[in-house]
C-alpha atoms as a PDB file:
ATOM      1  CA  MET A   1      42.566   4.172 168.301  1.00  0.00           C
ATOM      2  CA  CYS A   2      41.072   5.589 165.133  1.00  0.00           C
ATOM      3  CA  ASP A   3      37.819   5.444 163.266  1.00  0.00           C
ATOM      4  CA  VAL A   4      37.857   3.368 160.105  1.00  0.00           C
ATOM      5  CA  SER A   5      36.530   5.973 157.712  1.00  0.00           C
ATOM      6  CA  ASP A   6      38.930   5.665 154.766  1.00  0.00           C
ATOM      7  CA  GLN A   7      39.450   1.905 154.933  1.00  0.00           C
ATOM      8  CA  LEU A   8      40.999  -0.504 157.373  1.00  0.00           C
ATOM      9  CA  VAL A   9      44.490  -0.871 155.887  1.00  0.00           C
ATOM     10  CA  ALA A  10      44.896   2.887 155.383  1.00  0.00           C
ATOM     11  CA  ASP A  11      43.633   3.756 158.849  1.00  0.00           C
ATOM     12  CA  LEU A  12      45.859   1.141 160.481  1.00  0.00           C
ATOM     13  CA  GLY A  13      48.634   2.823 158.509  1.00  0.00           C
ATOM     14  CA  HIS A  14      47.811   6.073 160.345  1.00  0.00           C
ATOM     15  CA  ILE A  15      48.230   4.268 163.680  1.00  0.00           C
ATOM     16  CA  ARG A  16      51.482   2.780 162.377  1.00  0.00           C
ATOM     17  CA  GLU A  17      52.800   6.165 161.259  1.00  0.00           C
ATOM     18  CA  GLY A  18      51.944   7.764 164.597  1.00  0.00           C
ATOM     19  CA  SER A  19      53.407   4.990 166.728  1.00  0.00           C
ATOM     20  CA  GLY A  20      56.317   3.629 164.694  1.00  0.00           C
ATOM     21  CA  VAL A  21      55.020   0.048 164.801  1.00  0.00           C
ATOM     22  CA  SER A  22      53.121  -2.086 162.316  1.00  0.00           C
ATOM     23  CA  ALA A  23      49.919  -4.080 162.287  1.00  0.00           C
ATOM     24  CA  VAL A  24      49.342  -7.633 161.096  1.00  0.00           C
ATOM     25  CA  MET A  25      45.684  -8.142 160.222  1.00  0.00           C
ATOM     26  CA  GLU A  26      44.277 -11.671 159.943  1.00  0.00           C
ATOM     27  CA  VAL A  27      41.578 -11.234 157.311  1.00  0.00           C
ATOM     28  CA  THR A  28      39.680 -14.370 158.358  1.00  0.00           C
ATOM     29  CA  ALA A  29      39.010 -12.684 161.733  1.00  0.00           C
ATOM     30  CA  LEU A  30      37.460  -9.540 160.261  1.00  0.00           C
ATOM     31  CA  PRO A  31      33.808  -8.999 161.168  1.00  0.00           C
ATOM     32  CA  LEU A  32      31.699  -9.356 158.019  1.00  0.00           C
ATOM     33  CA  SER A  33      27.979  -9.080 157.404  1.00  0.00           C
ATOM     34  CA  PRO A  34      26.074 -12.326 156.716  1.00  0.00           C
ATOM     35  CA  PRO A  35      25.681 -11.548 152.964  1.00  0.00           C
ATOM     36  CA  VAL A  36      29.417 -10.882 152.593  1.00  0.00           C
ATOM     37  CA  ARG A  37      30.242 -14.074 154.541  1.00  0.00           C
ATOM     38  CA  CYS A  38      28.120 -16.042 152.025  1.00  0.00           C
ATOM     39  CA  ILE A  39      30.022 -14.540 149.093  1.00  0.00           C
ATOM     40  CA  VAL A  40      33.396 -15.130 150.759  1.00  0.00           C
ATOM     41  CA  ALA A  41      32.453 -18.742 151.588  1.00  0.00           C
ATOM     42  CA  GLN A  42      32.114 -19.404 147.861  1.00  0.00           C
ATOM     43  CA  GLY A  43      35.884 -19.018 147.503  1.00  0.00           C
ATOM     44  CA  SER A  44      35.962 -15.360 146.613  1.00  0.00           C
ATOM     45  CA  ASN A  45      39.176 -13.419 147.167  1.00  0.00           C
ATOM     46  CA  LEU A  46      37.027 -10.528 148.326  1.00  0.00           C
ATOM     47  CA  VAL A  47      38.185 -10.221 151.955  1.00  0.00           C
ATOM     48  CA  PRO A  48      41.637  -8.723 151.246  1.00  0.00           C
ATOM     49  CA  ARG A  49      39.966  -6.293 148.851  1.00  0.00           C
ATOM     50  CA  LEU A  50      37.413  -5.338 151.517  1.00  0.00           C
ATOM     51  CA  ALA A  51      40.171  -4.669 154.058  1.00  0.00           C
ATOM     52  CA  SER A  52      41.974  -2.570 151.458  1.00  0.00           C
ATOM     53  CA  ALA A  53      39.055  -0.596 150.077  1.00  0.00           C
ATOM     54  CA  ALA A  54      35.922  -0.910 152.221  1.00  0.00           C
ATOM     55  CA  ASP A  55      34.470   1.942 154.245  1.00  0.00           C
ATOM     56  CA  GLU A  56      32.913   0.477 157.409  1.00  0.00           C
ATOM     57  CA  TYR A  57      32.850   3.301 159.996  1.00  0.00           C
ATOM     58  CA  GLU A  58      34.086   1.157 162.866  1.00  0.00           C
ATOM     59  CA  LEU A  59      36.842   1.753 165.413  1.00  0.00           C
ATOM     60  CA  ALA A  60      40.266   0.141 165.254  1.00  0.00           C
ATOM     61  CA  PHE A  61      42.497   0.145 168.305  1.00  0.00           C
ATOM     62  CA  ALA A  62      45.544  -1.535 169.746  1.00  0.00           C
ATOM     63  CA  SER A  63      45.756  -2.859 173.287  1.00  0.00           C
ATOM     64  CA  PRO A  64      48.203  -4.952 175.291  1.00  0.00           C
ATOM     65  CA  PRO A  65      47.646  -8.737 175.032  1.00  0.00           C
ATOM     66  CA  ASP A  66      46.946  -8.975 178.766  1.00  0.00           C
ATOM     67  CA  ALA A  67      43.919  -6.662 178.318  1.00  0.00           C
ATOM     68  CA  THR A  68      42.000  -9.296 176.312  1.00  0.00           C
ATOM     69  CA  PRO A  69      40.012 -10.737 179.280  1.00  0.00           C
ATOM     70  CA  ALA A  70      38.859  -7.250 180.299  1.00  0.00           C
ATOM     71  CA  PHE A  71      37.743  -6.454 176.747  1.00  0.00           C
ATOM     72  CA  GLU A  72      35.890  -9.759 176.491  1.00  0.00           C
ATOM     73  CA  CYS A  73      34.068  -8.994 179.748  1.00  0.00           C
ATOM     74  CA  ARG A  74      33.127  -5.449 178.689  1.00  0.00           C
ATOM     75  CA  SER A  75      32.055  -6.657 175.256  1.00  0.00           C
ATOM     76  CA  SER A  76      29.518  -8.999 176.875  1.00  0.00           C
ATOM     77  CA  GLU A  77      28.325  -6.394 179.362  1.00  0.00           C
ATOM     78  CA  LEU A  78      27.818  -3.732 176.698  1.00  0.00           C
ATOM     79  CA  LEU A  79      26.503  -6.112 174.023  1.00  0.00           C
ATOM     80  CA  LEU A  80      29.174  -4.564 171.811  1.00  0.00           C
ATOM     81  CA  PRO A  81      31.279  -6.892 169.682  1.00  0.00           C
ATOM     82  CA  ILE A  82      35.001  -6.387 170.199  1.00  0.00           C
ATOM     83  CA  ILE A  83      36.943  -8.646 167.863  1.00  0.00           C
ATOM     84  CA  ALA A  84      40.681  -9.342 167.928  1.00  0.00           C
ATOM     85  CA  THR A  85      41.813  -9.305 164.307  1.00  0.00           C
ATOM     86  CA  GLY A  86      45.578  -9.023 164.453  1.00  0.00           C
ATOM     87  CA  GLU A  87      48.628  -7.931 166.339  1.00  0.00           C
ATOM     88  CA  ILE A  88      51.224  -5.195 166.518  1.00  0.00           C
ATOM     89  CA  GLU A  89      54.809  -5.750 165.335  1.00  0.00           C
ATOM     90  CA  ARG A  90      57.943  -3.658 165.310  1.00  0.00           C
ATOM     91  CA  LYS A  91      58.170  -3.587 161.519  1.00  0.00           C
ATOM     92  CA  ALA A  92      57.167  -0.537 159.522  1.00  0.00           C
ATOM     93  CA  ARG A  93      54.108  -1.590 157.532  1.00  0.00           C
ATOM     94  CA  VAL A  94      50.595  -2.971 157.609  1.00  0.00           C
ATOM     95  CA  ARG A  95      50.278  -6.577 156.449  1.00  0.00           C
ATOM     96  CA  LEU A  96      47.272  -8.750 155.678  1.00  0.00           C
ATOM     97  CA  VAL A  97      47.560 -12.482 156.385  1.00  0.00           C
ATOM     98  CA  ASP A  98      45.229 -15.480 156.219  1.00  0.00           C
ATOM     99  CA  ALA A  99      44.531 -17.876 159.116  1.00  0.00           C
ATOM    100  CA  ALA A 100      47.769 -19.775 158.329  1.00  0.00           C
ATOM    101  CA  ARG A 101      49.714 -16.450 158.498  1.00  0.00           C
ATOM    102  CA  LYS A 102      50.287 -16.554 154.730  1.00  0.00           C
ATOM    103  CA  PRO A 103      50.696 -12.989 153.364  1.00  0.00           C
ATOM    104  CA  LEU A 104      47.855 -11.661 151.242  1.00  0.00           C
ATOM    105  CA  PRO A 105      48.056  -8.854 148.691  1.00  0.00           C
ATOM    106  CA  THR A 106      46.863  -5.392 149.541  1.00  0.00           C
ATOM    107  CA  THR A 107      45.236  -3.915 146.474  1.00  0.00           C
ATOM    108  CA  ALA A 108      44.228  -0.403 147.565  1.00  0.00           C
ATOM    109  CA  PHE A 109      45.358   2.049 150.183  1.00  0.00           C
ATOM    110  CA  GLY A 110      42.349   4.154 151.129  1.00  0.00           C
ATOM    111  CA  TRP A 111      40.487   7.071 149.773  1.00  0.00           C
ATOM    112  CA  GLN A 112      42.680   9.513 147.898  1.00  0.00           C
ATOM    113  CA  ARG A 113      41.324  13.024 148.514  1.00  0.00           C
ATOM    114  CA  PHE A 114      43.812  14.829 146.310  1.00  0.00           C
END
């Protein structure tokens, strides 16, 4: 688990580096605010850019697939949205894909401090 303070793709990269696995992120599953959803619905290619450059201050974590029912139950109990947005693979990178699993470009890789 990590906080998404740089941006989603970069912070998933930190999980990847620490664990030796990769993440596949389905951009159509990302939680977006209503105004952003309206912009995206107009055919904008904004979602991959948001995943690559946005600063949302959320938590990203990986869990086993069989934990999904427990997370769904806790999400309802706590009134806290927990959204499955991707999966872990044994490859060595973070990939963005659309709902049809078509690869999407990653345009930025987080905040560069130095």
